[in-house]
Amino acid sequence: MLKKFKKSLIESNIVKRGNYQYFVNPLTAGVPEINPEIIKEICDSIISSVEIKKVDIILTIESMGIHIASVLSQMTGIPFNIVRKKSQQTADEIILKQLTGYGTSNLYMTLSKNKKVLIVDSVISTGGTLIAIIDGLKKLNADIIDIICVIERGDGVKKVKEKTGYDIKTLERICIKDGKVVLL
């Protein structure tokens, strides 16, 4: 399962920024081109691991979760919404304080109250983004049905569980070793 996706991870380029090694992969960076078969493979896996009939809305984070949420929405008929990095200045917008390993910033969410939400993102590393989103969803009395991050790198899954009580499902755990992506 997920053969093409795993192959794309192993073939990822590594770029060093300061002391941090980023992996550049079509799913997480949009370069090189994203193979639609990989997105379908991922979405099939997500659908099979979630009680999808309970979900009212798929929520993702700008920008590298959008393609996944879009395909999931098309495959399931469930609408999706995007947590933005830039304010849309709507009256019902909620400002979320995002604290990651790389800095602090605001995210912006506009979502109706009392929704049954599936959160989907491409990568979890520090967990800061998801913690902020979960806090915002609590203010909207949302029922979080599930949280899925396609790639797990770092200790973010553990941090989210400690701070929010929510479990995060991931499709693949990785680390960077000797300048290469290693599947765990």
Protein backbone atom coordinates (compact mmCIF):
# COMPACT_ATOMS: atom_id res chain seq x y z
CA MET A 1 0.00 0.00 0.00
CA LEU A 2 1.14 3.56 -0.77
CA LYS A 3 4.00 2.24 -2.92
CA LYS A 4 4.24 5.27 -5.23
CA PHE A 5 3.97 7.66 -2.31
CA LYS A 6 6.72 5.90 -0.34
CA LYS A 7 8.96 5.87 -3.40
CA SER A 8 8.44 9.64 -3.82
CA LEU A 9 9.42 10.19 -0.17
CA ILE A 10 12.64 8.21 -0.54
CA GLU A 11 13.49 10.23 -3.66
CA SER A 12 12.93 13.59 -1.91
CA ASN A 13 15.62 16.23 -2.12
CA ILE A 14 17.05 17.53 1.15
CA VAL A 15 17.67 21.25 1.58
CA LYS A 16 19.49 22.57 4.63
CA ARG A 17 18.23 25.86 6.11
CA GLY A 18 20.38 26.76 9.05
CA ASN A 19 20.52 23.63 11.20
CA TYR A 20 17.23 22.27 9.90
CA GLN A 21 17.04 19.82 7.01
CA TYR A 22 13.88 20.21 4.93
CA PHE A 23 12.74 17.50 2.60
CA VAL A 24 11.41 18.70 -0.74
CA ASN A 25 8.72 16.39 -2.04
CA PRO A 26 5.87 16.92 -4.51
CA LEU A 27 3.25 16.35 -1.81
CA THR A 28 4.80 18.75 0.70
CA ALA A 29 6.38 21.37 -1.56
CA GLY A 30 4.61 21.06 -4.89
CA VAL A 31 7.91 20.42 -6.68
CA PRO A 32 8.58 18.57 -8.77
CA GLU A 33 5.08 18.02 -10.17
CA ILE A 34 2.54 16.17 -8.06
CA ASN A 35 1.59 12.79 -9.50
CA PRO A 36 -2.22 12.43 -9.34
CA GLU A 37 -1.85 8.70 -8.72
CA ILE A 38 0.00 9.47 -5.48
CA ILE A 39 -2.74 11.83 -4.29
CA LYS A 40 -5.38 9.21 -5.11
CA GLU A 41 -3.36 6.56 -3.26
CA ILE A 42 -3.19 8.83 -0.21
CA CYS A 43 -6.87 9.79 -0.35
CA ASP A 44 -7.95 6.15 -0.68
CA SER A 45 -5.89 5.38 2.42
CA ILE A 46 -7.40 8.30 4.35
CA ILE A 47 -10.95 7.33 3.41
CA SER A 48 -10.38 3.74 4.53
CA SER A 49 -9.03 4.85 7.92
CA VAL A 50 -11.76 7.35 8.88
CA GLU A 51 -15.46 7.07 9.67
CA ILE A 52 -16.10 9.31 6.68
CA LYS A 53 -19.91 9.18 6.93
CA LYS A 54 -19.70 11.08 10.23
CA VAL A 55 -17.82 14.03 8.64
CA ASP A 56 -19.57 17.32 7.70
CA ILE A 57 -16.47 19.14 6.53
CA ILE A 58 -12.84 18.48 5.68
CA LEU A 59 -10.53 21.12 7.14
CA THR A 60 -7.01 21.66 5.87
CA ILE A 61 -4.21 24.14 6.27
CA GLU A 62 -2.88 26.45 3.59
CA SER A 63 -1.15 25.54 1.42
CA MET A 64 0.12 22.00 1.08
CA GLY A 65 -3.00 20.33 2.43
CA ILE A 66 -5.27 21.92 -0.18
CA HIS A 67 -4.65 19.40 -2.95
CA ILE A 68 -5.31 16.50 -0.58
CA ALA A 69 -8.51 18.06 0.80
CA SER A 70 -9.69 18.93 -2.69
CA VAL A 71 -9.35 15.36 -3.95
CA LEU A 72 -10.89 13.97 -0.74
CA SER A 73 -13.81 16.35 -1.19
CA GLN A 74 -14.28 15.25 -4.79
CA MET A 75 -14.09 11.56 -3.86
CA THR A 76 -16.49 11.80 -0.89
CA GLY A 77 -18.81 14.67 -1.77
CA ILE A 78 -17.89 16.36 1.53
CA PRO A 79 -17.09 20.09 1.32
CA PHE A 80 -13.71 21.38 2.49
CA ASN A 81 -12.48 24.52 4.17
CA ILE A 82 -9.01 26.06 4.40
CA VAL A 83 -7.29 27.54 7.43
CA ARG A 84 -5.51 30.52 5.89
CA LYS A 85 -2.18 32.21 6.50
CA LYS A 86 -3.68 35.56 5.54
CA SER A 87 -6.81 37.18 6.94
CA GLN A 88 -9.90 37.26 4.75
CA GLN A 89 -11.31 39.91 7.15
CA THR A 90 -14.73 38.32 7.48
CA ALA A 91 -16.84 39.04 10.55
CA ASP A 92 -16.78 35.42 11.72
CA GLU A 93 -13.06 34.83 11.21
CA ILE A 94 -11.14 33.40 14.17
CA ILE A 95 -7.49 34.30 14.66
CA LEU A 96 -5.34 31.35 15.72
CA LYS A 97 -1.91 31.76 17.33
CA GLN A 98 0.43 29.25 15.70
CA LEU A 99 3.63 28.35 17.53
CA THR A 100 5.97 26.01 15.65
CA GLY A 101 9.61 25.09 15.89
CA TYR A 102 10.32 27.79 13.32
CA GLY A 103 8.45 30.76 14.82
CA THR A 104 5.12 32.28 15.77
CA SER A 105 2.44 33.50 13.39
CA ASN A 106 -1.29 33.88 12.99
CA LEU A 107 -3.63 31.60 11.10
CA TYR A 108 -7.19 32.50 10.16
CA MET A 109 -10.19 30.19 10.25
CA THR A 110 -13.77 30.81 9.16
CA LEU A 111 -16.05 27.89 9.87
CA SER A 112 -19.65 27.48 11.01
CA LYS A 113 -20.27 26.28 14.55
CA ASN A 114 -21.08 22.69 15.52
CA LYS A 115 -19.45 21.02 12.52
CA LYS A 116 -18.18 17.43 12.46
CA VAL A 117 -14.64 17.93 11.22
CA LEU A 118 -11.95 15.83 9.61
CA ILE A 119 -8.63 17.68 9.78
CA VAL A 120 -6.18 16.75 7.03
CA ASP A 121 -2.65 18.04 6.47
CA SER A 122 0.41 16.96 4.54
CA VAL A 123 3.00 16.98 7.36
CA ILE A 124 3.18 17.14 11.13
CA SER A 125 6.53 17.96 12.68
CA THR A 126 6.22 20.14 15.80
CA GLY A 127 2.42 19.99 16.20
CA GLY A 128 2.07 23.75 16.72
CA THR A 129 -0.28 24.28 13.80
CA LEU A 130 -2.65 21.50 14.83
CA ILE A 131 -2.70 22.63 18.46
CA ALA A 132 -3.81 26.11 17.33
CA ILE A 133 -6.48 24.68 15.02
CA ILE A 134 -7.85 22.32 17.68
CA ASP A 135 -8.10 25.26 20.11
CA GLY A 136 -10.01 27.25 17.47
CA LEU A 137 -12.37 24.36 16.74
CA LYS A 138 -13.18 24.08 20.45
CA LYS A 139 -14.37 27.71 20.34
CA LEU A 140 -16.74 26.73 17.53
CA ASN A 141 -18.06 23.71 19.44
CA ALA A 142 -16.83 21.48 16.62
CA ASP A 143 -16.74 17.72 16.91
CA ILE A 144 -13.34 16.57 15.63
CA ILE A 145 -14.04 13.19 14.04
CA ASP A 146 -10.42 12.53 13.12
CA ILE A 147 -7.07 14.16 12.41
CA ILE A 148 -4.81 12.79 9.70
CA CYS A 149 -1.39 14.04 8.69
CA VAL A 150 0.03 12.22 5.71
CA ILE A 151 3.67 12.46 6.88
CA GLU A 152 4.95 12.40 10.45
CA ARG A 153 8.36 13.86 11.18
CA GLY A 154 9.48 14.81 14.66
CA ASP A 155 7.55 14.68 17.91
CA GLY A 156 4.45 16.66 16.92
CA VAL A 157 2.06 13.72 17.27
CA LYS A 158 3.13 13.28 20.88
CA LYS A 159 2.93 17.04 21.61
CA VAL A 160 -0.59 17.34 20.16
CA LYS A 161 -1.75 14.38 22.26
CA GLU A 162 -0.20 15.88 25.42
CA LYS A 163 -1.66 19.37 24.87
CA THR A 164 -5.09 18.51 23.43
CA GLY A 165 -5.83 14.87 24.17
CA TYR A 166 -6.33 14.11 20.46
CA ASP A 167 -4.65 11.27 18.62
CA ILE A 168 -3.18 12.00 15.20
CA LYS A 169 -3.23 9.36 12.50
CA THR A 170 -0.34 9.40 10.05
CA LEU A 171 0.27 7.42 6.90
CA GLU A 172 4.07 7.42 7.00
CA ARG A 173 6.73 8.29 9.61
CA ILE A 174 10.05 9.60 8.36
CA CYS A 175 13.34 11.01 9.53
CA ILE A 176 16.28 12.55 7.72
CA LYS A 177 19.49 10.56 8.08
CA ASP A 178 22.73 11.11 6.19
CA GLY A 179 21.02 13.58 3.85
CA LYS A 180 18.23 11.15 2.88
CA VAL A 181 14.61 10.55 3.83
CA VAL A 182 14.29 7.32 5.79
CA LEU A 183 10.93 5.59 6.25
CA LEU A 184 10.42 4.41 9.83
